[in-house]
């Protein structure tokens, strides 16, 4: 399995460790750490921007189109239901 993922049993660098703390799997962190540099104190927002930037760059390298649609947000309907339940309605 190590051969398939590119991992060779080496100790993770600081960037890979930070990516794992952010929520990446070990193989994702290993791959991304070869493209970006972070330190232990990098805020989550900066980590997120670096990961998105690396993925967009990889997509552009594959098909030459840097356009990516990123959809994010909170489900407002579930937030309203939770608020209603807390108020006892």
C-alpha atoms as a PDB file:
ATOM      1  CA  UNK A   1       0.000   0.000   0.000  1.00  0.00           C
ATOM      2  CA  UNK A   2       2.847   2.380   0.736  1.00  0.00           C
ATOM      3  CA  UNK A   3       4.111   1.942  -2.804  1.00  0.00           C
ATOM      4  CA  UNK A   4       0.711   2.841  -4.273  1.00  0.00           C
ATOM      5  CA  UNK A   5       0.285   5.998  -2.230  1.00  0.00           C
ATOM      6  CA  UNK A   6       3.850   7.229  -2.732  1.00  0.00           C
ATOM      7  CA  UNK A   7       4.539   7.081   0.986  1.00  0.00           C
ATOM      8  CA  UNK A   8       7.810   5.466   1.948  1.00  0.00           C
ATOM      9  CA  UNK A   9       7.606   5.283   5.731  1.00  0.00           C
ATOM     10  CA  UNK A  10       9.385   8.603   6.182  1.00  0.00           C
ATOM     11  CA  UNK A  11       8.547  11.065   8.948  1.00  0.00           C
ATOM     12  CA  UNK A  12       6.050  13.693   7.865  1.00  0.00           C
ATOM     13  CA  UNK A  13       7.344  17.215   7.388  1.00  0.00           C
ATOM     14  CA  UNK A  14       5.736  20.154   9.191  1.00  0.00           C
ATOM     15  CA  UNK A  15       3.381  20.861   6.270  1.00  0.00           C
ATOM     16  CA  UNK A  16       2.067  17.288   6.150  1.00  0.00           C
ATOM     17  CA  UNK A  17       1.574  17.271   9.923  1.00  0.00           C
ATOM     18  CA  UNK A  18      -0.424  20.521   9.705  1.00  0.00           C
ATOM     19  CA  UNK A  19      -2.543  19.126   6.864  1.00  0.00           C
ATOM     20  CA  UNK A  20      -3.383  16.030   8.926  1.00  0.00           C
ATOM     21  CA  UNK A  21      -4.412  18.277  11.834  1.00  0.00           C
ATOM     22  CA  UNK A  22      -6.557  20.231   9.366  1.00  0.00           C
ATOM     23  CA  UNK A  23      -8.386  17.018   8.403  1.00  0.00           C
ATOM     24  CA  UNK A  24      -6.594  15.524   5.409  1.00  0.00           C
ATOM     25  CA  UNK A  25      -5.844  11.809   5.317  1.00  0.00           C
ATOM     26  CA  UNK A  26      -2.177  10.845   5.554  1.00  0.00           C
ATOM     27  CA  UNK A  27      -1.926  10.120   1.822  1.00  0.00           C
ATOM     28  CA  UNK A  28      -3.639  13.422   0.946  1.00  0.00           C
ATOM     29  CA  UNK A  29      -1.349  15.297   3.337  1.00  0.00           C
ATOM     30  CA  UNK A  30       1.729  13.626   1.866  1.00  0.00           C
ATOM     31  CA  UNK A  31       0.727  14.517  -1.707  1.00  0.00           C
ATOM     32  CA  UNK A  32      -0.231  18.112  -0.872  1.00  0.00           C
ATOM     33  CA  UNK A  33       2.891  18.693   1.221  1.00  0.00           C
ATOM     34  CA  UNK A  34       4.926  18.258  -1.945  1.00  0.00           C
ATOM     35  CA  UNK A  35       3.104  21.264  -3.464  1.00  0.00           C
ATOM     36  CA  UNK A  36       2.598  23.734  -0.603  1.00  0.00           C
ATOM     37  CA  UNK A  37       4.474  24.890   2.513  1.00  0.00           C
ATOM     38  CA  UNK A  38       2.839  25.545   5.889  1.00  0.00           C
ATOM     39  CA  UNK A  39       4.038  25.813   9.458  1.00  0.00           C
ATOM     40  CA  UNK A  40       2.557  24.551  12.749  1.00  0.00           C
ATOM     41  CA  UNK A  41       0.860  27.876  13.484  1.00  0.00           C
ATOM     42  CA  UNK A  42      -0.793  28.402  10.082  1.00  0.00           C
ATOM     43  CA  UNK A  43      -4.469  29.359  10.626  1.00  0.00           C
ATOM     44  CA  UNK A  44      -7.149  27.043   9.219  1.00  0.00           C
ATOM     45  CA  UNK A  45      -8.314  29.700   6.739  1.00  0.00           C
ATOM     46  CA  UNK A  46      -4.806  29.900   5.263  1.00  0.00           C
ATOM     47  CA  UNK A  47      -4.547  26.098   5.109  1.00  0.00           C
ATOM     48  CA  UNK A  48      -7.884  25.946   3.307  1.00  0.00           C
ATOM     49  CA  UNK A  49      -6.794  28.587   0.783  1.00  0.00           C
ATOM     50  CA  UNK A  50      -3.498  26.758   0.170  1.00  0.00           C
ATOM     51  CA  UNK A  51      -5.260  23.409  -0.373  1.00  0.00           C
ATOM     52  CA  UNK A  52      -7.808  24.937  -2.763  1.00  0.00           C
ATOM     53  CA  UNK A  53      -4.992  26.730  -4.627  1.00  0.00           C
ATOM     54  CA  UNK A  54      -3.031  23.481  -4.990  1.00  0.00           C
ATOM     55  CA  UNK A  55      -6.087  21.628  -6.289  1.00  0.00           C
ATOM     56  CA  UNK A  56      -6.892  24.377  -8.798  1.00  0.00           C
ATOM     57  CA  UNK A  57      -3.261  24.372  -9.976  1.00  0.00           C
ATOM     58  CA  UNK A  58      -3.408  20.578 -10.408  1.00  0.00           C
ATOM     59  CA  UNK A  59      -6.642  20.839 -12.399  1.00  0.00           C
ATOM     60  CA  UNK A  60      -5.146  23.532 -14.583  1.00  0.00           C
ATOM     61  CA  UNK A  61      -2.063  21.384 -15.203  1.00  0.00           C
ATOM     62  CA  UNK A  62      -4.264  18.472 -16.293  1.00  0.00           C
ATOM     63  CA  UNK A  63      -6.762  20.190 -18.575  1.00  0.00           C
ATOM     64  CA  UNK A  64      -5.521  23.771 -18.943  1.00  0.00           C
ATOM     65  CA  UNK A  65      -8.688  25.287 -17.494  1.00  0.00           C
ATOM     66  CA  UNK A  66      -8.248  27.039 -14.154  1.00  0.00           C
ATOM     67  CA  UNK A  67     -11.983  27.470 -13.619  1.00  0.00           C
ATOM     68  CA  UNK A  68     -13.334  25.575 -10.644  1.00  0.00           C
ATOM     69  CA  UNK A  69     -16.751  25.983  -9.105  1.00  0.00           C
ATOM     70  CA  UNK A  70     -16.445  25.888  -5.324  1.00  0.00           C
ATOM     71  CA  UNK A  71     -19.689  25.603  -3.427  1.00  0.00           C
ATOM     72  CA  UNK A  72     -19.685  26.046   0.308  1.00  0.00           C
ATOM     73  CA  UNK A  73     -22.057  27.139   2.991  1.00  0.00           C
ATOM     74  CA  UNK A  74     -24.372  26.154   5.757  1.00  0.00           C
ATOM     75  CA  UNK A  75     -27.767  24.578   5.338  1.00  0.00           C
ATOM     76  CA  UNK A  76     -30.038  27.328   6.539  1.00  0.00           C
ATOM     77  CA  UNK A  77     -33.102  25.052   6.768  1.00  0.00           C
ATOM     78  CA  UNK A  78     -31.466  22.837   9.402  1.00  0.00           C
ATOM     79  CA  UNK A  79     -30.319  25.892  11.363  1.00  0.00           C
ATOM     80  CA  UNK A  80     -33.913  27.160  11.478  1.00  0.00           C
ATOM     81  CA  UNK A  81     -35.184  23.758  12.652  1.00  0.00           C
ATOM     82  CA  UNK A  82     -32.577  23.642  15.434  1.00  0.00           C
ATOM     83  CA  UNK A  83     -33.523  27.166  16.581  1.00  0.00           C
ATOM     84  CA  UNK A  84     -37.207  26.259  16.594  1.00  0.00           C
ATOM     85  CA  UNK A  85     -36.564  23.161  18.704  1.00  0.00           C
ATOM     86  CA  UNK A  86     -34.510  25.137  21.222  1.00  0.00           C
ATOM     87  CA  UNK A  87     -37.298  27.724  21.571  1.00  0.00           C
ATOM     88  CA  UNK A  88     -39.837  24.964  22.221  1.00  0.00           C
ATOM     89  CA  UNK A  89     -42.010  25.669  19.213  1.00  0.00           C
END
